[in-house]
C-alpha atoms as a PDB file:
ATOM      1  CA  MET A   1       0.000   0.000   0.000  1.00  0.00           C
ATOM      2  CA  LYS A   2       2.812   2.380   0.924  1.00  0.00           C
ATOM      3  CA  LYS A   3       4.661   1.503  -2.269  1.00  0.00           C
ATOM      4  CA  SER A   4       1.545   2.255  -4.316  1.00  0.00           C
ATOM      5  CA  LEU A   5       1.083   5.611  -2.611  1.00  0.00           C
ATOM      6  CA  LEU A   6       4.737   6.418  -3.124  1.00  0.00           C
ATOM      7  CA  LEU A   7       4.480   5.516  -6.804  1.00  0.00           C
ATOM      8  CA  ILE A   8       1.350   7.641  -7.247  1.00  0.00           C
ATOM      9  CA  PHE A   9       2.993  10.574  -5.461  1.00  0.00           C
ATOM     10  CA  THR A  10       6.115  10.233  -7.601  1.00  0.00           C
ATOM     11  CA  LEU A  11       4.113  10.186 -10.828  1.00  0.00           C
ATOM     12  CA  PHE A  12       2.086  13.165  -9.647  1.00  0.00           C
ATOM     13  CA  PHE A  13       5.259  15.094  -8.828  1.00  0.00           C
ATOM     14  CA  ILE A  14       6.757  14.285 -12.260  1.00  0.00           C
ATOM     15  CA  SER A  15       3.555  15.470 -13.944  1.00  0.00           C
ATOM     16  CA  LEU A  16       3.710  18.758 -12.052  1.00  0.00           C
ATOM     17  CA  GLN A  17       7.301  19.269 -13.157  1.00  0.00           C
ATOM     18  CA  ALA A  18       6.416  18.528 -16.775  1.00  0.00           C
ATOM     19  CA  PHE A  19       3.458  20.911 -16.609  1.00  0.00           C
ATOM     20  CA  ALA A  20       5.626  23.651 -15.100  1.00  0.00           C
ATOM     21  CA  GLN A  21       8.299  23.110 -17.757  1.00  0.00           C
ATOM     22  CA  GLU A  22       5.709  23.275 -20.551  1.00  0.00           C
ATOM     23  CA  ASN A  23       4.305  26.535 -19.182  1.00  0.00           C
ATOM     24  CA  SER A  24       7.814  27.937 -18.935  1.00  0.00           C
ATOM     25  CA  ASN A  25       8.541  27.008 -22.560  1.00  0.00           C
ATOM     26  CA  ASN A  26       5.271  28.550 -23.711  1.00  0.00           C
ATOM     27  CA  GLU A  27       6.041  31.760 -21.859  1.00  0.00           C
ATOM     28  CA  GLU A  28       9.516  31.901 -23.391  1.00  0.00           C
ATOM     29  CA  GLN A  29       8.033  31.367 -26.879  1.00  0.00           C
ATOM     30  CA  VAL A  30       5.425  34.091 -26.331  1.00  0.00           C
ATOM     31  CA  ASN A  31       8.080  36.466 -24.999  1.00  0.00           C
ATOM     32  CA  ALA A  32      10.309  35.712 -27.980  1.00  0.00           C
ATOM     33  CA  GLU A  33       7.454  36.372 -30.406  1.00  0.00           C
ATOM     34  CA  ASP A  34       6.577  39.606 -28.582  1.00  0.00           C
ATOM     35  CA  THR A  35      10.204  40.731 -28.749  1.00  0.00           C
ATOM     36  CA  LYS A  36      10.385  39.927 -32.465  1.00  0.00           C
ATOM     37  CA  SER A  37       7.132  41.794 -33.103  1.00  0.00           C
ATOM     38  CA  GLN A  38       8.393  44.806 -31.168  1.00  0.00           C
ATOM     39  CA  GLU A  39      11.671  44.790 -33.117  1.00  0.00           C
ATOM     40  CA  GLU A  40       9.809  44.616 -36.454  1.00  0.00           C
ATOM     41  CA  SER A  41       7.523  47.460 -35.348  1.00  0.00           C
ATOM     42  CA  THR A  42      10.559  49.513 -34.353  1.00  0.00           C
ATOM     43  CA  ILE A  43      12.193  48.905 -37.739  1.00  0.00           C
ATOM     44  CA  LYS A  44       9.011  49.913 -39.570  1.00  0.00           C
ATOM     45  CA  ALA A  45       8.684  52.996 -37.377  1.00  0.00           C
ATOM     46  CA  ASP A  46      12.280  53.959 -38.130  1.00  0.00           C
ATOM     47  CA  GLU A  47      11.661  53.525 -41.873  1.00  0.00           C
ATOM     48  CA  LYS A  48       8.595  55.746 -41.700  1.00  0.00           C
ATOM     49  CA  SER A  49      10.485  58.375 -39.713  1.00  0.00           C
ATOM     50  CA  ILE A  50      12.982  58.825 -42.569  1.00  0.00           C
ATOM     51  CA  SER A  51      11.858  61.557 -44.953  1.00  0.00           C
ATOM     52  CA  LEU A  52      11.857  60.930 -48.698  1.00  0.00           C
ATOM     53  CA  SER A  53      14.579  63.530 -49.261  1.00  0.00           C
ATOM     54  CA  GLU A  54      16.809  61.759 -46.704  1.00  0.00           C
ATOM     55  CA  LYS A  55      16.070  58.417 -48.308  1.00  0.00           C
ATOM     56  CA  LEU A  56      16.932  59.670 -51.801  1.00  0.00           C
ATOM     57  CA  GLU A  57      20.394  60.688 -50.580  1.00  0.00           C
ATOM     58  CA  THR A  58      21.179  57.027 -49.855  1.00  0.00           C
ATOM     59  CA  LEU A  59      19.893  55.649 -53.172  1.00  0.00           C
ATOM     60  CA  GLN A  60      21.840  55.056 -56.355  1.00  0.00           C
ATOM     61  CA  VAL A  61      20.437  56.613 -59.517  1.00  0.00           C
ATOM     62  CA  GLN A  62      20.529  54.312 -62.544  1.00  0.00           C
ATOM     63  CA  LYS A  63      21.369  56.075 -65.792  1.00  0.00           C
ATOM     64  CA  MET A  64      19.012  55.073 -68.581  1.00  0.00           C
ATOM     65  CA  ARG A  65      20.306  54.319 -72.074  1.00  0.00           C
ATOM     66  CA  LEU A  66      17.566  55.327 -74.489  1.00  0.00           C
ATOM     67  CA  TYR A  67      17.296  54.640 -78.197  1.00  0.00           C
ATOM     68  CA  LYS A  68      15.476  56.379 -81.045  1.00  0.00           C
ATOM     69  CA  PHE A  69      13.112  53.430 -81.393  1.00  0.00           C
ATOM     70  CA  ASN A  70      11.930  53.587 -77.756  1.00  0.00           C
ATOM     71  CA  PRO A  71       8.323  54.908 -77.751  1.00  0.00           C
ATOM     72  CA  ILE A  72       7.943  58.173 -75.819  1.00  0.00           C
ATOM     73  CA  LYS A  73       4.730  59.661 -74.481  1.00  0.00           C
ATOM     74  CA  ASN A  74       4.498  63.320 -73.454  1.00  0.00           C
ATOM     75  CA  PHE A  75       7.906  64.742 -74.452  1.00  0.00           C
ATOM     76  CA  GLU A  76       7.287  67.802 -72.262  1.00  0.00           C
ATOM     77  CA  GLY A  77       6.970  65.794 -69.039  1.00  0.00           C
ATOM     78  CA  VAL A  78       8.809  67.086 -65.969  1.00  0.00           C
ATOM     79  CA  VAL A  79       9.596  63.624 -64.538  1.00  0.00           C
ATOM     80  CA  THR A  80      10.879  60.727 -66.667  1.00  0.00           C
ATOM     81  CA  LEU A  81       9.378  57.285 -66.179  1.00  0.00           C
ATOM     82  CA  VAL A  82      10.986  54.350 -67.999  1.00  0.00           C
ATOM     83  CA  GLU A  83       9.044  51.099 -68.184  1.00  0.00           C
ATOM     84  CA  PHE A  84      10.729  47.813 -69.089  1.00  0.00           C
ATOM     85  CA  ASN A  85       8.051  45.293 -69.989  1.00  0.00           C
ATOM     86  CA  ASP A  86       7.023  42.301 -72.059  1.00  0.00           C
ATOM     87  CA  LEU A  87       3.909  43.006 -74.125  1.00  0.00           C
ATOM     88  CA  SER A  88       3.311  39.280 -74.621  1.00  0.00           C
ATOM     89  CA  CYS A  89       2.912  38.847 -70.834  1.00  0.00           C
ATOM     90  CA  LYS A  90      -0.612  39.758 -69.719  1.00  0.00           C
ATOM     91  CA  GLU A  91       0.303  39.526 -66.033  1.00  0.00           C
ATOM     92  CA  CYS A  92       3.236  41.906 -66.584  1.00  0.00           C
ATOM     93  CA  LEU A  93       0.996  44.454 -68.300  1.00  0.00           C
ATOM     94  CA  LEU A  94      -1.562  44.337 -65.494  1.00  0.00           C
ATOM     95  CA  LYS A  95       1.179  44.854 -62.897  1.00  0.00           C
ATOM     96  CA  SER A  96       2.432  47.976 -64.657  1.00  0.00           C
ATOM     97  CA  LYS A  97      -1.170  49.195 -64.999  1.00  0.00           C
ATOM     98  CA  LYS A  98      -1.485  49.057 -61.201  1.00  0.00           C
ATOM     99  CA  VAL A  99       1.499  51.384 -60.914  1.00  0.00           C
ATOM    100  CA  TYR A 100      -0.008  53.880 -63.369  1.00  0.00           C
ATOM    101  CA  ASP A 101      -3.409  53.627 -61.674  1.00  0.00           C
ATOM    102  CA  SER A 102      -1.787  54.487 -58.340  1.00  0.00           C
ATOM    103  CA  ILE A 103      -0.328  57.729 -59.709  1.00  0.00           C
ATOM    104  CA  GLY A 104      -2.507  60.796 -59.301  1.00  0.00           C
ATOM    105  CA  GLU A 105      -4.020  62.356 -62.421  1.00  0.00           C
ATOM    106  CA  GLU A 106      -2.037  65.600 -62.050  1.00  0.00           C
ATOM    107  CA  ASN A 107       1.193  63.643 -61.625  1.00  0.00           C
ATOM    108  CA  LEU A 108       0.452  61.544 -64.717  1.00  0.00           C
ATOM    109  CA  LYS A 109       0.092  64.705 -66.798  1.00  0.00           C
ATOM    110  CA  ASN A 110       3.655  65.649 -65.910  1.00  0.00           C
ATOM    111  CA  LEU A 111       5.279  62.296 -66.685  1.00  0.00           C
ATOM    112  CA  ARG A 112       7.437  61.735 -69.733  1.00  0.00           C
ATOM    113  CA  ILE A 113       6.907  57.994 -70.261  1.00  0.00           C
ATOM    114  CA  ILE A 114       9.440  55.901 -72.176  1.00  0.00           C
ATOM    115  CA  TYR A 115       8.921  52.249 -73.043  1.00  0.00           C
ATOM    116  CA  LYS A 116      11.708  49.666 -73.391  1.00  0.00           C
ATOM    117  CA  PHE A 117      11.094  46.187 -74.826  1.00  0.00           C
ATOM    118  CA  ILE A 118      12.207  43.091 -72.906  1.00  0.00           C
ATOM    119  CA  ASN A 119      11.286  39.409 -72.709  1.00  0.00           C
ATOM    120  CA  LYS A 120      10.073  38.018 -69.405  1.00  0.00           C
ATOM    121  CA  ASP A 121      11.267  34.613 -70.591  1.00  0.00           C
ATOM    122  CA  ALA A 122      14.942  34.903 -71.549  1.00  0.00           C
ATOM    123  CA  LEU A 123      14.554  31.870 -73.834  1.00  0.00           C
ATOM    124  CA  ASN A 124      11.792  33.551 -75.830  1.00  0.00           C
ATOM    125  CA  LEU A 125      13.929  34.941 -78.634  1.00  0.00           C
ATOM    126  CA  VAL A 126      11.014  35.409 -81.051  1.00  0.00           C
ATOM    127  CA  ASN A 127       8.506  37.819 -79.522  1.00  0.00           C
ATOM    128  CA  GLN A 128       5.802  38.421 -82.141  1.00  0.00           C
ATOM    129  CA  MET A 129       3.825  40.812 -79.919  1.00  0.00           C
ATOM    130  CA  THR A 130       6.866  43.056 -79.656  1.00  0.00           C
ATOM    131  CA  VAL A 131       7.218  43.141 -83.437  1.00  0.00           C
ATOM    132  CA  TYR A 132       3.581  44.187 -83.811  1.00  0.00           C
ATOM    133  CA  ALA A 133       4.078  46.838 -81.101  1.00  0.00           C
ATOM    134  CA  MET A 134       7.124  48.256 -82.883  1.00  0.00           C
ATOM    135  CA  ALA A 135       5.113  48.384 -86.080  1.00  0.00           C
ATOM    136  CA  ALA A 136       2.339  50.179 -84.169  1.00  0.00           C
ATOM    137  CA  ASP A 137       4.920  52.735 -83.041  1.00  0.00           C
ATOM    138  CA  GLU A 138       6.024  53.273 -86.665  1.00  0.00           C
ATOM    139  CA  PHE A 139       2.438  54.294 -87.420  1.00  0.00           C
ATOM    140  CA  GLY A 140       2.166  56.437 -84.277  1.00  0.00           C
ATOM    141  CA  VAL A 141      -0.284  54.269 -82.301  1.00  0.00           C
ATOM    142  CA  PHE A 142       1.980  52.405 -79.870  1.00  0.00           C
ATOM    143  CA  TRP A 143       0.323  53.685 -76.697  1.00  0.00           C
ATOM    144  CA  GLU A 144      -3.160  52.913 -78.003  1.00  0.00           C
ATOM    145  CA  PHE A 145      -1.937  49.419 -78.949  1.00  0.00           C
ATOM    146  CA  LYS A 146      -0.418  48.859 -75.487  1.00  0.00           C
ATOM    147  CA  GLU A 147      -3.595  49.999 -73.737  1.00  0.00           C
ATOM    148  CA  ALA A 148      -5.744  47.712 -75.906  1.00  0.00           C
ATOM    149  CA  ILE A 149      -3.714  44.539 -75.290  1.00  0.00           C
ATOM    150  CA  THR A 150      -3.640  45.362 -71.576  1.00  0.00           C
ATOM    151  CA  ASN A 151      -7.409  45.692 -71.268  1.00  0.00           C
ATOM    152  CA  LYS A 152      -8.515  43.056 -73.809  1.00  0.00           C
ATOM    153  CA  ASN A 153      -7.701  39.404 -74.430  1.00  0.00           C
ATOM    154  CA  ILE A 154      -5.822  39.656 -77.711  1.00  0.00           C
ATOM    155  CA  SER A 155      -3.240  37.042 -78.625  1.00  0.00           C
ATOM    156  CA  THR A 156      -3.707  35.456 -82.067  1.00  0.00           C
ATOM    157  CA  HIS A 157      -2.193  36.860 -85.258  1.00  0.00           C
ATOM    158  CA  ASP A 158      -5.611  37.677 -86.736  1.00  0.00           C
ATOM    159  CA  GLU A 159      -6.769  39.446 -83.552  1.00  0.00           C
ATOM    160  CA  ILE A 160      -3.624  41.581 -83.438  1.00  0.00           C
ATOM    161  CA  ILE A 161      -3.870  42.532 -87.115  1.00  0.00           C
ATOM    162  CA  GLU A 162      -7.531  43.421 -86.635  1.00  0.00           C
ATOM    163  CA  LEU A 163      -6.595  45.600 -83.653  1.00  0.00           C
ATOM    164  CA  LEU A 164      -3.900  47.429 -85.613  1.00  0.00           C
ATOM    165  CA  LEU A 165      -6.317  48.064 -88.480  1.00  0.00           C
ATOM    166  CA  SER A 166      -8.908  49.365 -86.006  1.00  0.00           C
ATOM    167  CA  LEU A 167      -6.313  51.909 -84.848  1.00  0.00           C
ATOM    168  CA  GLY A 168      -6.312  53.426 -88.325  1.00  0.00           C
ATOM    169  CA  ILE A 169      -3.389  51.642 -89.998  1.00  0.00           C
ATOM    170  CA  ASP A 170      -3.766  50.759 -93.685  1.00  0.00           C
ATOM    171  CA  LYS A 171      -3.581  46.986 -94.153  1.00  0.00           C
ATOM    172  CA  LYS A 172      -1.234  47.054 -97.158  1.00  0.00           C
ATOM    173  CA  GLU A 173       1.131  49.513 -95.464  1.00  0.00           C
ATOM    174  CA  LEU A 174       1.080  47.401 -92.289  1.00  0.00           C
ATOM    175  CA  LEU A 175       1.881  44.144 -94.091  1.00  0.00           C
ATOM    176  CA  ASP A 176       4.664  45.859 -96.068  1.00  0.00           C
ATOM    177  CA  ASP A 177       6.142  47.245 -92.857  1.00  0.00           C
ATOM    178  CA  LEU A 178       6.034  43.834 -91.133  1.00  0.00           C
ATOM    179  CA  ALA A 179       7.593  42.144 -94.161  1.00  0.00           C
ATOM    180  CA  HIS A 180      10.486  44.570 -94.494  1.00  0.00           C
ATOM    181  CA  GLY A 181      10.957  45.778 -90.923  1.00  0.00           C
ATOM    182  CA  ALA A 182      10.742  42.609 -88.815  1.00  0.00           C
ATOM    183  CA  LYS A 183      14.484  41.897 -88.945  1.00  0.00           C
ATOM    184  CA  ASN A 184      15.296  45.407 -87.730  1.00  0.00           C
ATOM    185  CA  TYR A 185      12.658  45.161 -85.009  1.00  0.00           C
ATOM    186  CA  TYR A 186      14.368  42.073 -83.575  1.00  0.00           C
ATOM    187  CA  LYS A 187      17.672  43.976 -83.513  1.00  0.00           C
ATOM    188  CA  GLN A 188      15.966  46.748 -81.574  1.00  0.00           C
ATOM    189  CA  LEU A 189      14.495  44.267 -79.117  1.00  0.00           C
ATOM    190  CA  ASP A 190      17.951  42.756 -78.652  1.00  0.00           C
ATOM    191  CA  ALA A 191      19.406  46.187 -77.844  1.00  0.00           C
ATOM    192  CA  ASP A 192      16.822  46.822 -75.111  1.00  0.00           C
ATOM    193  CA  VAL A 193      17.251  43.316 -73.667  1.00  0.00           C
ATOM    194  CA  LYS A 194      21.060  43.684 -73.547  1.00  0.00           C
ATOM    195  CA  PHE A 195      20.775  47.011 -71.760  1.00  0.00           C
ATOM    196  CA  ALA A 196      18.292  45.545 -69.273  1.00  0.00           C
ATOM    197  CA  ASN A 197      20.736  42.722 -68.540  1.00  0.00           C
ATOM    198  CA  SER A 198      23.591  45.206 -68.127  1.00  0.00           C
ATOM    199  CA  ILE A 199      21.773  46.850 -65.194  1.00  0.00           C
ATOM    200  CA  GLU A 200      20.704  43.463 -63.794  1.00  0.00           C
ATOM    201  CA  ASN A 201      17.108  44.198 -64.649  1.00  0.00           C
ATOM    202  CA  THR A 202      15.641  40.819 -65.547  1.00  0.00           C
ATOM    203  CA  GLN A 203      12.168  41.419 -64.145  1.00  0.00           C
ATOM    204  CA  ALA A 204       9.059  42.330 -66.074  1.00  0.00           C
ATOM    205  CA  PRO A 205       7.756  44.832 -65.455  1.00  0.00           C
ATOM    206  CA  MET A 206      10.460  47.064 -64.021  1.00  0.00           C
ATOM    207  CA  ILE A 207       9.794  50.773 -63.728  1.00  0.00           C
ATOM    208  CA  PHE A 208      12.311  53.549 -63.119  1.00  0.00           C
ATOM    209  CA  VAL A 209      11.438  57.148 -62.290  1.00  0.00           C
ATOM    210  CA  ASP A 210      14.349  59.559 -62.834  1.00  0.00           C
ATOM    211  CA  GLY A 211      16.631  56.569 -62.364  1.00  0.00           C
ATOM    212  CA  TYR A 212      15.065  55.271 -59.119  1.00  0.00           C
ATOM    213  CA  ARG A 213      13.529  51.806 -59.116  1.00  0.00           C
ATOM    214  CA  VAL A 214       9.854  51.835 -58.201  1.00  0.00           C
ATOM    215  CA  ASN A 215       9.022  49.326 -55.423  1.00  0.00           C
ATOM    216  CA  ASP A 216      12.725  48.698 -54.771  1.00  0.00           C
ATOM    217  CA  ASP A 217      13.933  52.215 -53.968  1.00  0.00           C
ATOM    218  CA  PHE A 218      10.628  53.605 -52.786  1.00  0.00           C
ATOM    219  CA  THR A 219       6.969  52.699 -52.420  1.00  0.00           C
ATOM    220  CA  LEU A 220       4.107  53.793 -54.666  1.00  0.00           C
ATOM    221  CA  GLU A 221       3.100  56.330 -52.028  1.00  0.00           C
ATOM    222  CA  GLU A 222       6.632  57.738 -52.050  1.00  0.00           C
ATOM    223  CA  LEU A 223       6.542  57.677 -55.850  1.00  0.00           C
ATOM    224  CA  ASN A 224       3.633  60.112 -55.862  1.00  0.00           C
ATOM    225  CA  GLU A 225       5.356  62.273 -53.274  1.00  0.00           C
ATOM    226  CA  TYR A 226       8.530  62.326 -55.376  1.00  0.00           C
ATOM    227  CA  ILE A 227       6.679  63.283 -58.575  1.00  0.00           C
ATOM    228  CA  SER A 228       4.706  66.010 -56.772  1.00  0.00           C
ATOM    229  CA  ASN A 229       7.919  67.417 -55.278  1.00  0.00           C
ATOM    230  CA  GLN A 230       9.644  67.483 -58.670  1.00  0.00           C
ATOM    231  CA  ILE A 231       6.673  69.197 -60.300  1.00  0.00           C
ATOM    232  CA  GLU A 232       6.592  71.796 -57.531  1.00  0.00           C
ATOM    233  CA  LYS A 233      10.336  72.372 -57.869  1.00  0.00           C
ATOM    234  CA  PHE A 234       9.997  72.761 -61.654  1.00  0.00           C
ATOM    235  CA  LYS A 235       7.145  75.269 -61.321  1.00  0.00           C
ATOM    236  CA  LYS A 236       9.094  77.254 -58.756  1.00  0.00           C
ATOM    237  CA  GLN A 237      12.171  77.424 -60.998  1.00  0.00           C
ATOM    238  CA  LYS A 238      10.001  78.418 -63.963  1.00  0.00           C
ATOM    239  CA  ASP A 239       8.354  81.206 -61.962  1.00  0.00           C
ATOM    240  CA  GLU A 240      11.753  82.481 -60.822  1.00  0.00           C
ATOM    241  CA  GLU A 241      13.016  82.550 -64.430  1.00  0.00           C
ATOM    242  CA  GLU A 242       9.918  84.402 -65.611  1.00  0.00           C
ATOM    243  CA  ASN A 243      10.251  86.920 -62.773  1.00  0.00           C
ATOM    244  CA  LYS A 244      13.899  87.556 -63.698  1.00  0.00           C
ATOM    245  CA  TYR A 245      12.845  88.165 -67.288  1.00  0.00           C
ATOM    246  CA  LYS A 246      10.109  90.581 -66.235  1.00  0.00           C
ATOM    247  CA  MET A 247      12.443  92.444 -63.910  1.00  0.00           C
ATOM    248  CA  GLY A 248      14.964  92.730 -66.752  1.00  0.00           C
ATOM    249  CA  LYS A 249      12.352  94.293 -69.043  1.00  0.00           C
ATOM    250  CA  PHE A 250      11.636  97.018 -66.515  1.00  0.00           C
END
């Protein structure tokens, strides 16, 4: 009887120790998670406390190499946005659309937008959609073509030709251009792809604003702040120049 009681007491004591140890481990895990959460919150708070101007001082500006064949929208824009993208990749087009949609209307008006052709798939050496897009640019409707293939499901040869004709291109002129210009278009694509590789830009899409990488260097919210600041700075400089001119006349 005594042995049984002793055994029961021993087992009970061991159970209490195990329970206490488990509670201790749980508390340590909770404390560790709380500490980690606090550290992450502190890091985020520190990031938010840094102003955009301070942040820009630490970033490296990437110089863009632009070619005559790169489509340009709004030559008079104050801020230069360069988009590297693959027009045959629907997902890539929708991602870049989200960036443009996040930019305020006033900021969009002041963007000089430049497009550079790349392949999302490095093994895709023959990109027919790019050839059609370059042809569209020859006829002055690149941006309309890009918008259409972003918003509609267009992929087959016949659908693309029909789209180009709907944008006002003469069918005979289009077919002649494709027949005689395709080889040159592939050379142009190769030039953009080589430059993209030279700056280790293998993603599609990748967007630069005045040489800063969007999403890598700063957020979309900071992007709008940056554009607004540059527009304000430009207007201020313009006003100062006009005032100097007026003062000179008097």
